[in-house]
Amino acid sequence: MSSLVYKIAFLSLIIIGVSAFSLVSAGYFPVAIVNSHIVTERAYRTNLDAVVHYYDAAVKTYSKLDFTNALADPDDLRRLALEQLIENELVHQALSARLGANLSAAIQKKLGSASTTEKFPSATQALYGINVSEFKELFLQPAAEHEILDGQLLIEKTTFDNWLRGAKRDAKVRLLIGNFRWDGDGVKKK
């Protein structure tokens, strides 16, 4: 009987280990925790790759423009991508608190038919190197949320920038990437 228990325990550990390895390999582990919400490495990496792909496409398209400074410091690009994801999460949390179950409908209304054109999928792939659903998740949805929150803040007679400064200062952010730190204003290099 005890041999069976050991075999089951061993198999359980193997299954847990393989599952954990699969999740980590796919990027489903946190790089930041924002007010107890996780920002995954997958979102961070996809965002960063899309920005780099966009700059590469811009250099090819507009060869007369100088983009060398934009990609000169990879750490700065990583810092900006991480800070943008944290800001997006803060906006999402604020809107979730304000709109609750109506948030999804408000976003869909704001997005409207923004991505229904025939050339949109090929354009997102060519410019950003990502598919339409990733583009919506990383860029369109956060932009819509920013606009919705900005509209609500105007009604409250405050600006988005003032709100964001306060939200960043009050946020509990824990960065799990070794070469960055959070100082209440944003992501900084260590």
C-alpha atoms as a PDB file:
ATOM      1  CA  MET A   1       0.000   0.000   0.000  1.00  0.00           C
ATOM      2  CA  SER A   2       2.746   2.484   0.901  1.00  0.00           C
ATOM      3  CA  SER A   3       4.445   1.780  -2.445  1.00  0.00           C
ATOM      4  CA  LEU A   4       1.296   2.944  -4.233  1.00  0.00           C
ATOM      5  CA  VAL A   5       1.199   6.151  -2.153  1.00  0.00           C
ATOM      6  CA  TYR A   6       4.831   6.913  -3.091  1.00  0.00           C
ATOM      7  CA  LYS A   7       4.112   6.295  -6.767  1.00  0.00           C
ATOM      8  CA  ILE A   8       1.091   8.599  -6.684  1.00  0.00           C
ATOM      9  CA  ALA A   9       3.056  11.290  -4.839  1.00  0.00           C
ATOM     10  CA  PHE A  10       5.936  10.978  -7.304  1.00  0.00           C
ATOM     11  CA  LEU A  11       3.599  11.184 -10.303  1.00  0.00           C
ATOM     12  CA  SER A  12       1.846  14.198  -8.766  1.00  0.00           C
ATOM     13  CA  LEU A  13       5.180  15.973  -8.329  1.00  0.00           C
ATOM     14  CA  ILE A  14       6.133  15.203 -11.933  1.00  0.00           C
ATOM     15  CA  ILE A  15       2.808  16.550 -13.225  1.00  0.00           C
ATOM     16  CA  ILE A  16       3.115  19.698 -11.109  1.00  0.00           C
ATOM     17  CA  GLY A  17       6.703  20.210 -12.286  1.00  0.00           C
ATOM     18  CA  VAL A  18       5.834  19.777 -15.971  1.00  0.00           C
ATOM     19  CA  SER A  19       2.835  22.104 -15.598  1.00  0.00           C
ATOM     20  CA  ALA A  20       4.929  24.764 -13.866  1.00  0.00           C
ATOM     21  CA  PHE A  21       7.646  24.453 -16.521  1.00  0.00           C
ATOM     22  CA  SER A  22       5.047  24.834 -19.291  1.00  0.00           C
ATOM     23  CA  LEU A  23       3.537  27.936 -17.701  1.00  0.00           C
ATOM     24  CA  VAL A  24       6.923  29.567 -17.135  1.00  0.00           C
ATOM     25  CA  SER A  25       8.072  28.694 -20.665  1.00  0.00           C
ATOM     26  CA  ALA A  26       4.951  30.348 -22.083  1.00  0.00           C
ATOM     27  CA  GLY A  27       5.649  33.518 -20.074  1.00  0.00           C
ATOM     28  CA  TYR A  28       2.855  33.135 -17.548  1.00  0.00           C
ATOM     29  CA  PHE A  29       4.789  34.394 -14.565  1.00  0.00           C
ATOM     30  CA  PRO A  30       4.763  37.849 -13.006  1.00  0.00           C
ATOM     31  CA  VAL A  31       7.235  40.611 -13.826  1.00  0.00           C
ATOM     32  CA  ALA A  32       5.284  43.136 -11.749  1.00  0.00           C
ATOM     33  CA  ILE A  33       2.487  43.134  -9.206  1.00  0.00           C
ATOM     34  CA  VAL A  34       0.288  46.236  -9.284  1.00  0.00           C
ATOM     35  CA  ASN A  35      -2.111  46.525  -6.335  1.00  0.00           C
ATOM     36  CA  SER A  36      -2.214  42.706  -6.157  1.00  0.00           C
ATOM     37  CA  HIS A  37      -2.814  42.308  -9.929  1.00  0.00           C
ATOM     38  CA  ILE A  38      -0.156  40.548 -11.967  1.00  0.00           C
ATOM     39  CA  VAL A  39       1.572  41.859 -15.085  1.00  0.00           C
ATOM     40  CA  THR A  40       2.933  38.786 -16.880  1.00  0.00           C
ATOM     41  CA  GLU A  41       6.231  38.343 -18.635  1.00  0.00           C
ATOM     42  CA  ARG A  42       4.271  37.307 -21.718  1.00  0.00           C
ATOM     43  CA  ALA A  43       2.466  40.683 -21.897  1.00  0.00           C
ATOM     44  CA  TYR A  44       5.735  42.500 -21.192  1.00  0.00           C
ATOM     45  CA  ARG A  45       7.659  40.587 -23.845  1.00  0.00           C
ATOM     46  CA  THR A  46       4.887  40.910 -26.456  1.00  0.00           C
ATOM     47  CA  ASN A  47       4.632  44.652 -25.819  1.00  0.00           C
ATOM     48  CA  LEU A  48       8.397  45.084 -26.058  1.00  0.00           C
ATOM     49  CA  ASP A  49       8.659  42.965 -29.213  1.00  0.00           C
ATOM     50  CA  ALA A  50       5.816  44.937 -30.839  1.00  0.00           C
ATOM     51  CA  VAL A  51       7.553  48.252 -30.133  1.00  0.00           C
ATOM     52  CA  VAL A  52      10.868  47.004 -31.524  1.00  0.00           C
ATOM     53  CA  HIS A  53       9.103  45.538 -34.575  1.00  0.00           C
ATOM     54  CA  TYR A  54       7.318  48.858 -35.131  1.00  0.00           C
ATOM     55  CA  TYR A  55      10.608  50.778 -35.061  1.00  0.00           C
ATOM     56  CA  ASP A  56      12.180  48.287 -37.467  1.00  0.00           C
ATOM     57  CA  ALA A  57       9.220  48.668 -39.845  1.00  0.00           C
ATOM     58  CA  ALA A  58       9.392  52.463 -39.528  1.00  0.00           C
ATOM     59  CA  VAL A  59      13.117  52.449 -40.363  1.00  0.00           C
ATOM     60  CA  LYS A  60      12.423  50.354 -43.475  1.00  0.00           C
ATOM     61  CA  THR A  61       9.482  52.521 -44.521  1.00  0.00           C
ATOM     62  CA  TYR A  62      10.907  55.922 -43.699  1.00  0.00           C
ATOM     63  CA  SER A  63      14.588  55.371 -44.404  1.00  0.00           C
ATOM     64  CA  LYS A  64      15.305  59.119 -44.391  1.00  0.00           C
ATOM     65  CA  LEU A  65      14.251  59.489 -40.746  1.00  0.00           C
ATOM     66  CA  ASP A  66      16.761  58.767 -38.007  1.00  0.00           C
ATOM     67  CA  PHE A  67      15.445  56.278 -35.434  1.00  0.00           C
ATOM     68  CA  THR A  68      18.832  55.339 -33.957  1.00  0.00           C
ATOM     69  CA  ASN A  69      18.231  57.210 -30.690  1.00  0.00           C
ATOM     70  CA  ALA A  70      14.865  55.505 -30.184  1.00  0.00           C
ATOM     71  CA  LEU A  71      16.498  52.085 -29.841  1.00  0.00           C
ATOM     72  CA  ALA A  72      19.895  53.220 -28.542  1.00  0.00           C
ATOM     73  CA  ASP A  73      19.332  52.079 -24.945  1.00  0.00           C
ATOM     74  CA  PRO A  74      17.565  48.698 -24.711  1.00  0.00           C
ATOM     75  CA  ASP A  75      17.161  49.092 -20.932  1.00  0.00           C
ATOM     76  CA  ASP A  76      15.309  52.348 -21.438  1.00  0.00           C
ATOM     77  CA  LEU A  77      12.989  50.693 -23.940  1.00  0.00           C
ATOM     78  CA  ARG A  78      12.349  47.849 -21.474  1.00  0.00           C
ATOM     79  CA  ARG A  79      11.712  50.370 -18.707  1.00  0.00           C
ATOM     80  CA  LEU A  80       9.221  52.295 -20.843  1.00  0.00           C
ATOM     81  CA  ALA A  81       7.392  49.121 -21.890  1.00  0.00           C
ATOM     82  CA  LEU A  82       7.096  47.989 -18.275  1.00  0.00           C
ATOM     83  CA  GLU A  83       5.950  51.408 -17.105  1.00  0.00           C
ATOM     84  CA  GLN A  84       3.303  51.509 -19.835  1.00  0.00           C
ATOM     85  CA  LEU A  85       1.937  48.118 -18.767  1.00  0.00           C
ATOM     86  CA  ILE A  86       1.799  49.302 -15.144  1.00  0.00           C
ATOM     87  CA  GLU A  87      -0.006  52.503 -16.146  1.00  0.00           C
ATOM     88  CA  ASN A  88      -2.446  50.460 -18.237  1.00  0.00           C
ATOM     89  CA  GLU A  89      -3.128  48.250 -15.221  1.00  0.00           C
ATOM     90  CA  LEU A  90      -3.730  51.277 -12.987  1.00  0.00           C
ATOM     91  CA  VAL A  91      -6.207  52.701 -15.520  1.00  0.00           C
ATOM     92  CA  HIS A  92      -7.933  49.327 -15.847  1.00  0.00           C
ATOM     93  CA  GLN A  93      -8.250  48.990 -12.081  1.00  0.00           C
ATOM     94  CA  ALA A  94      -9.682  52.505 -11.752  1.00  0.00           C
ATOM     95  CA  LEU A  95     -12.235  51.893 -14.488  1.00  0.00           C
ATOM     96  CA  SER A  96     -13.172  48.501 -13.037  1.00  0.00           C
ATOM     97  CA  ALA A  97     -13.877  50.205  -9.722  1.00  0.00           C
ATOM     98  CA  ARG A  98     -15.900  52.966 -11.383  1.00  0.00           C
ATOM     99  CA  LEU A  99     -17.843  51.002 -14.002  1.00  0.00           C
ATOM    100  CA  GLY A 100     -17.867  47.471 -12.605  1.00  0.00           C
ATOM    101  CA  ALA A 101     -19.727  45.092 -14.914  1.00  0.00           C
ATOM    102  CA  ASN A 102     -20.310  47.888 -17.465  1.00  0.00           C
ATOM    103  CA  LEU A 103     -16.589  48.205 -18.253  1.00  0.00           C
ATOM    104  CA  SER A 104     -16.554  45.647 -21.054  1.00  0.00           C
ATOM    105  CA  ALA A 105     -19.549  47.238 -22.788  1.00  0.00           C
ATOM    106  CA  ALA A 106     -18.000  50.708 -22.484  1.00  0.00           C
ATOM    107  CA  ILE A 107     -14.770  49.466 -24.058  1.00  0.00           C
ATOM    108  CA  GLN A 108     -16.614  47.759 -26.911  1.00  0.00           C
ATOM    109  CA  LYS A 109     -18.626  50.914 -27.526  1.00  0.00           C
ATOM    110  CA  LYS A 110     -15.437  53.003 -27.576  1.00  0.00           C
ATOM    111  CA  LEU A 111     -13.638  50.606 -29.910  1.00  0.00           C
ATOM    112  CA  GLY A 112     -16.638  50.351 -32.222  1.00  0.00           C
ATOM    113  CA  SER A 113     -15.512  49.085 -35.581  1.00  0.00           C
ATOM    114  CA  ALA A 114     -11.899  50.175 -35.211  1.00  0.00           C
ATOM    115  CA  SER A 115     -10.481  46.852 -36.310  1.00  0.00           C
ATOM    116  CA  THR A 116     -13.007  45.537 -38.795  1.00  0.00           C
ATOM    117  CA  THR A 117     -11.394  46.786 -41.986  1.00  0.00           C
ATOM    118  CA  GLU A 118     -10.113  44.188 -44.392  1.00  0.00           C
ATOM    119  CA  LYS A 119      -6.471  45.302 -44.228  1.00  0.00           C
ATOM    120  CA  PHE A 120      -6.291  45.618 -40.442  1.00  0.00           C
ATOM    121  CA  PRO A 121      -4.922  42.095 -39.699  1.00  0.00           C
ATOM    122  CA  SER A 122      -2.154  42.380 -42.273  1.00  0.00           C
ATOM    123  CA  ALA A 123      -1.338  45.913 -41.140  1.00  0.00           C
ATOM    124  CA  THR A 124      -0.949  44.909 -37.471  1.00  0.00           C
ATOM    125  CA  GLN A 125       1.224  41.987 -38.495  1.00  0.00           C
ATOM    126  CA  ALA A 126       3.385  44.146 -40.760  1.00  0.00           C
ATOM    127  CA  LEU A 127       3.749  47.108 -38.397  1.00  0.00           C
ATOM    128  CA  TYR A 128       3.853  45.414 -34.997  1.00  0.00           C
ATOM    129  CA  GLY A 129       4.550  41.742 -35.705  1.00  0.00           C
ATOM    130  CA  ILE A 130       1.516  40.609 -33.693  1.00  0.00           C
ATOM    131  CA  ASN A 131      -1.952  39.346 -34.514  1.00  0.00           C
ATOM    132  CA  VAL A 132      -5.149  41.376 -34.193  1.00  0.00           C
ATOM    133  CA  SER A 133      -6.220  39.951 -30.821  1.00  0.00           C
ATOM    134  CA  GLU A 134      -2.812  40.749 -29.292  1.00  0.00           C
ATOM    135  CA  PHE A 135      -2.945  44.233 -30.819  1.00  0.00           C
ATOM    136  CA  LYS A 136      -6.385  44.824 -29.321  1.00  0.00           C
ATOM    137  CA  GLU A 137      -5.257  43.558 -25.922  1.00  0.00           C
ATOM    138  CA  LEU A 138      -1.980  45.499 -25.815  1.00  0.00           C
ATOM    139  CA  PHE A 139      -2.845  48.746 -27.580  1.00  0.00           C
ATOM    140  CA  LEU A 140      -6.495  49.309 -28.526  1.00  0.00           C
ATOM    141  CA  GLN A 141      -8.157  48.260 -25.273  1.00  0.00           C
ATOM    142  CA  PRO A 142      -5.767  50.284 -23.060  1.00  0.00           C
ATOM    143  CA  ALA A 143      -6.199  53.309 -25.356  1.00  0.00           C
ATOM    144  CA  ALA A 144      -9.980  52.982 -25.095  1.00  0.00           C
ATOM    145  CA  GLU A 145      -9.736  52.675 -21.308  1.00  0.00           C
ATOM    146  CA  HIS A 146      -7.540  55.795 -21.144  1.00  0.00           C
ATOM    147  CA  GLU A 147     -10.107  57.743 -23.166  1.00  0.00           C
ATOM    148  CA  ILE A 148     -13.034  56.531 -21.051  1.00  0.00           C
ATOM    149  CA  LEU A 149     -11.244  57.387 -17.814  1.00  0.00           C
ATOM    150  CA  ASP A 150     -10.148  60.754 -19.202  1.00  0.00           C
ATOM    151  CA  GLY A 151     -13.777  61.553 -19.993  1.00  0.00           C
ATOM    152  CA  GLN A 152     -14.872  60.612 -16.488  1.00  0.00           C
ATOM    153  CA  LEU A 153     -12.098  62.674 -14.947  1.00  0.00           C
ATOM    154  CA  LEU A 154     -13.123  65.727 -16.983  1.00  0.00           C
ATOM    155  CA  ILE A 155     -16.597  65.438 -15.458  1.00  0.00           C
ATOM    156  CA  GLU A 156     -14.906  65.405 -12.037  1.00  0.00           C
ATOM    157  CA  LYS A 157     -12.922  68.501 -13.067  1.00  0.00           C
ATOM    158  CA  THR A 158      -9.489  66.904 -12.926  1.00  0.00           C
ATOM    159  CA  THR A 159      -7.000  65.884 -15.607  1.00  0.00           C
ATOM    160  CA  PHE A 160      -5.759  62.470 -16.536  1.00  0.00           C
ATOM    161  CA  ASP A 161      -2.155  63.493 -15.834  1.00  0.00           C
ATOM    162  CA  ASN A 162      -2.988  64.660 -12.295  1.00  0.00           C
ATOM    163  CA  TRP A 163      -4.977  61.506 -11.648  1.00  0.00           C
ATOM    164  CA  LEU A 164      -2.163  59.306 -12.978  1.00  0.00           C
ATOM    165  CA  ARG A 165       0.436  61.014 -10.781  1.00  0.00           C
ATOM    166  CA  GLY A 166      -1.720  60.334  -7.726  1.00  0.00           C
ATOM    167  CA  ALA A 167      -2.520  56.781  -8.805  1.00  0.00           C
ATOM    168  CA  LYS A 168       1.180  55.996  -9.309  1.00  0.00           C
ATOM    169  CA  ARG A 169       2.073  57.529  -5.944  1.00  0.00           C
ATOM    170  CA  ASP A 170      -0.651  55.543  -4.134  1.00  0.00           C
ATOM    171  CA  ALA A 171      -0.123  52.276  -6.006  1.00  0.00           C
ATOM    172  CA  LYS A 172       1.516  49.293  -4.395  1.00  0.00           C
ATOM    173  CA  VAL A 173       3.858  48.149  -7.145  1.00  0.00           C
ATOM    174  CA  ARG A 174       6.366  45.353  -6.771  1.00  0.00           C
ATOM    175  CA  LEU A 175       8.759  44.824  -9.674  1.00  0.00           C
ATOM    176  CA  LEU A 176      10.146  41.344 -10.086  1.00  0.00           C
ATOM    177  CA  ILE A 177      12.665  42.282 -12.780  1.00  0.00           C
ATOM    178  CA  GLY A 178      16.056  42.706 -11.195  1.00  0.00           C
ATOM    179  CA  ASN A 179      17.401  45.814 -12.901  1.00  0.00           C
ATOM    180  CA  PHE A 180      14.376  48.083 -12.305  1.00  0.00           C
ATOM    181  CA  ARG A 181      12.717  49.634  -9.274  1.00  0.00           C
ATOM    182  CA  TRP A 182       9.459  51.495  -8.627  1.00  0.00           C
ATOM    183  CA  ASP A 183       9.770  54.897  -6.947  1.00  0.00           C
ATOM    184  CA  GLY A 184       6.150  56.064  -6.866  1.00  0.00           C
ATOM    185  CA  ASP A 185       6.571  58.139 -10.021  1.00  0.00           C
ATOM    186  CA  GLY A 186       7.464  55.347 -12.399  1.00  0.00           C
ATOM    187  CA  VAL A 187       9.917  52.623 -13.275  1.00  0.00           C
ATOM    188  CA  LYS A 188      13.557  53.589 -12.807  1.00  0.00           C
ATOM    189  CA  LYS A 189      16.829  51.807 -13.484  1.00  0.00           C
ATOM    190  CA  LYS A 190      18.610  50.527 -10.398  1.00  0.00           C
END
